[in-house]
Amino acid sequence: MLNNKITFDHCYASTSERACDTLEIVTHHKYPYTRVKGLKEWNFGRFEAMDEFLNPPVPHGYGDFFVQYGGESQQQVQDRMIKTLTEIMEKEDHHDVLALSHGGACFFFVRAFDDYNAVIDYSRVGNCTIFKLVYEDGIFSCVDIIQSDFSEIENI
């Protein structure tokens, strides 16, 4: 149980150490979780772990820019996240799930369901953003976007 009385049936995190650390901190180490490769951040290929100022200035995403450098396209990231989260939510007893991923991957996942999202104000999206989603009949719908104030974990 978290401080705000949220409970989860199951918890999942990206295989990234920082994602697992964040999950453990926000759940106060009270939930077991499964590490899932499908929740990892966008693969930037040779740009991986490089300074962000090297990325091209693209206002609405990078499209397939990183593919030429051995990375993923925006569509591949989106498709991977949809497949992974759908598989998670289709499992038995998966009603209230915490899935911890990364900014770019989450952003394009949520954008895939813009036609169904009750909230589409992405100006509040930053580090440690919480997307509250509802899953029904194979469709995810974003019902709230919460910019959390986890200042002690932003630099993990």
Protein backbone atom coordinates (compact mmCIF):
# COMPACT_ATOMS: atom_id res chain seq x y z
CA MET A 1 0.00 0.00 0.00
CA LEU A 2 1.32 3.43 -0.90
CA ASN A 3 0.92 6.56 1.19
CA ASN A 4 -2.15 7.55 -0.82
CA LYS A 5 -3.85 4.19 -0.15
CA ILE A 6 -3.36 2.79 -3.64
CA THR A 7 -3.01 -0.97 -3.75
CA PHE A 8 -1.96 -3.18 -6.65
CA ASP A 9 -2.68 -6.72 -7.76
CA HIS A 10 0.63 -6.92 -9.59
CA CYS A 11 3.67 -4.75 -10.27
CA TYR A 12 5.98 -4.69 -13.27
CA ALA A 13 9.08 -2.68 -14.09
CA SER A 14 11.42 -2.18 -16.98
CA THR A 15 14.61 -4.18 -16.72
CA SER A 16 16.48 -0.92 -16.17
CA GLU A 17 18.01 -0.66 -12.71
CA ARG A 18 16.74 2.91 -12.31
CA ALA A 19 13.18 1.81 -13.10
CA CYS A 20 13.36 -1.00 -10.55
CA ASP A 21 14.85 1.35 -7.96
CA THR A 22 12.03 3.82 -8.57
CA LEU A 23 9.37 1.12 -8.21
CA GLU A 24 10.89 -0.06 -4.94
CA ILE A 25 11.03 3.47 -3.55
CA VAL A 26 7.47 4.49 -4.48
CA THR A 27 6.03 1.21 -3.18
CA HIS A 28 8.19 1.33 -0.05
CA HIS A 29 9.55 -2.14 -0.94
CA LYS A 30 6.16 -3.69 -0.08
CA TYR A 31 5.33 -5.25 -3.44
CA PRO A 32 7.06 -8.01 -5.32
CA TYR A 33 7.44 -7.16 -9.00
CA THR A 34 8.41 -8.69 -12.30
CA ARG A 35 11.04 -7.17 -14.57
CA VAL A 36 9.87 -7.04 -18.18
CA LYS A 37 12.07 -6.23 -21.18
CA GLY A 38 9.07 -4.94 -23.13
CA LEU A 39 8.80 -1.98 -20.72
CA LYS A 40 12.32 -0.74 -21.44
CA GLU A 41 13.01 2.72 -22.82
CA TRP A 42 13.29 3.48 -26.51
CA ASN A 43 16.39 1.85 -28.00
CA PHE A 44 18.47 4.76 -29.31
CA GLY A 45 21.08 2.52 -30.97
CA ARG A 46 24.51 4.17 -31.07
CA PHE A 47 22.98 7.21 -29.36
CA GLU A 48 22.30 5.07 -26.26
CA ALA A 49 23.69 6.72 -23.10
CA MET A 50 24.83 9.77 -25.06
CA ASP A 51 23.98 13.36 -24.19
CA GLU A 52 20.47 14.33 -25.28
CA PHE A 53 21.70 17.46 -27.05
CA LEU A 54 23.00 15.10 -29.77
CA ASN A 55 19.43 14.08 -30.64
CA PRO A 56 17.86 15.87 -33.61
CA PRO A 57 15.47 18.73 -32.76
CA VAL A 58 12.15 17.13 -33.63
CA PRO A 59 9.00 18.65 -32.07
CA HIS A 60 6.72 15.59 -32.21
CA GLY A 61 9.05 12.63 -31.91
CA TYR A 62 11.98 11.15 -33.70
CA GLY A 63 10.07 8.99 -36.17
CA ASP A 64 12.54 6.42 -37.45
CA PHE A 65 15.69 8.55 -36.95
CA PHE A 66 17.38 6.04 -34.59
CA VAL A 67 16.81 3.02 -36.87
CA GLN A 68 19.79 4.01 -39.06
CA TYR A 69 21.93 3.85 -35.90
CA GLY A 70 20.73 0.42 -34.78
CA GLY A 71 17.85 1.66 -32.64
CA GLU A 72 14.07 1.52 -32.76
CA SER A 73 11.59 3.65 -34.65
CA GLN A 74 8.89 5.55 -32.83
CA GLN A 75 6.34 3.07 -34.20
CA GLN A 76 8.37 0.09 -32.98
CA VAL A 77 8.52 1.55 -29.46
CA GLN A 78 4.80 2.21 -29.49
CA ASP A 79 3.96 -1.27 -30.83
CA ARG A 80 6.24 -2.94 -28.25
CA MET A 81 4.66 -1.07 -25.37
CA ILE A 82 1.12 -1.80 -26.57
CA LYS A 83 1.91 -5.51 -26.97
CA THR A 84 3.63 -5.75 -23.58
CA LEU A 85 0.99 -3.87 -21.59
CA THR A 86 -1.88 -5.64 -23.33
CA GLU A 87 -0.32 -9.02 -22.48
CA ILE A 88 0.05 -7.91 -18.86
CA MET A 89 -3.52 -6.67 -18.56
CA GLU A 90 -4.96 -9.81 -20.22
CA LYS A 91 -3.54 -12.00 -17.44
CA GLU A 92 -5.86 -13.38 -14.80
CA ASP A 93 -6.32 -11.23 -11.67
CA HIS A 94 -4.73 -8.16 -13.28
CA HIS A 95 -7.10 -5.35 -12.40
CA ASP A 96 -4.98 -2.78 -10.54
CA VAL A 97 -1.49 -2.94 -12.02
CA LEU A 98 1.56 -0.76 -11.54
CA ALA A 99 3.79 -0.80 -14.63
CA LEU A 100 6.91 1.30 -14.40
CA SER A 101 8.62 2.27 -17.63
CA HIS A 102 10.35 5.32 -19.12
CA GLY A 103 9.39 8.74 -20.44
CA GLY A 104 9.67 8.24 -24.19
CA ALA A 105 8.17 4.77 -24.18
CA CYS A 106 5.25 5.84 -21.96
CA PHE A 107 4.60 9.01 -23.94
CA PHE A 108 4.22 7.23 -27.26
CA PHE A 109 2.24 4.39 -25.69
CA VAL A 110 -0.33 6.82 -24.27
CA ARG A 111 -0.42 8.80 -27.54
CA ALA A 112 -1.44 5.62 -29.38
CA PHE A 113 -4.81 5.83 -27.63
CA ASP A 114 -5.52 9.56 -28.11
CA ASP A 115 -8.94 8.77 -29.59
CA TYR A 116 -9.90 7.12 -26.28
CA ASN A 117 -8.01 9.26 -23.76
CA ALA A 118 -10.08 11.41 -21.44
CA VAL A 119 -6.95 13.47 -20.72
CA ILE A 120 -4.58 14.46 -23.48
CA ASP A 121 -2.79 17.48 -21.98
CA TYR A 122 0.78 16.34 -22.43
CA SER A 123 2.25 19.64 -21.24
CA ARG A 124 2.45 18.14 -17.73
CA VAL A 125 4.52 15.13 -18.81
CA GLY A 126 8.01 14.95 -17.31
CA ASN A 127 10.14 12.69 -15.13
CA CYS A 128 8.11 10.57 -12.74
CA THR A 129 4.81 11.33 -14.47
CA ILE A 130 2.01 8.98 -13.49
CA PHE A 131 -0.46 7.97 -16.18
CA LYS A 132 -3.67 6.58 -14.72
CA LEU A 133 -5.10 4.26 -17.35
CA VAL A 134 -8.21 2.16 -17.68
CA TYR A 135 -8.04 -1.02 -19.76
CA GLU A 136 -11.20 -2.42 -21.28
CA ASP A 137 -11.85 -4.56 -24.38
CA GLY A 138 -8.28 -4.24 -25.61
CA ILE A 139 -8.26 -0.45 -25.35
CA PHE A 140 -6.30 1.71 -22.91
CA SER A 141 -7.69 5.09 -21.93
CA CYS A 142 -5.74 7.72 -20.02
CA VAL A 143 -8.07 9.16 -17.37
CA ASP A 144 -5.50 11.24 -15.50
CA ILE A 145 -1.95 12.51 -15.80
CA ILE A 146 -0.26 13.28 -12.51
CA GLN A 147 3.08 15.05 -12.41
CA SER A 148 4.41 13.64 -9.17
CA ASP A 149 6.76 15.45 -6.85
CA PHE A 150 9.23 12.65 -6.26
CA SER A 151 12.14 15.05 -6.05
CA GLU A 152 14.22 12.55 -4.08
CA ILE A 153 14.10 10.04 -6.96
CA GLU A 154 14.24 12.23 -10.07
CA ASN A 155 17.96 11.69 -10.49
CA ILE A 156 18.03 7.93 -10.01
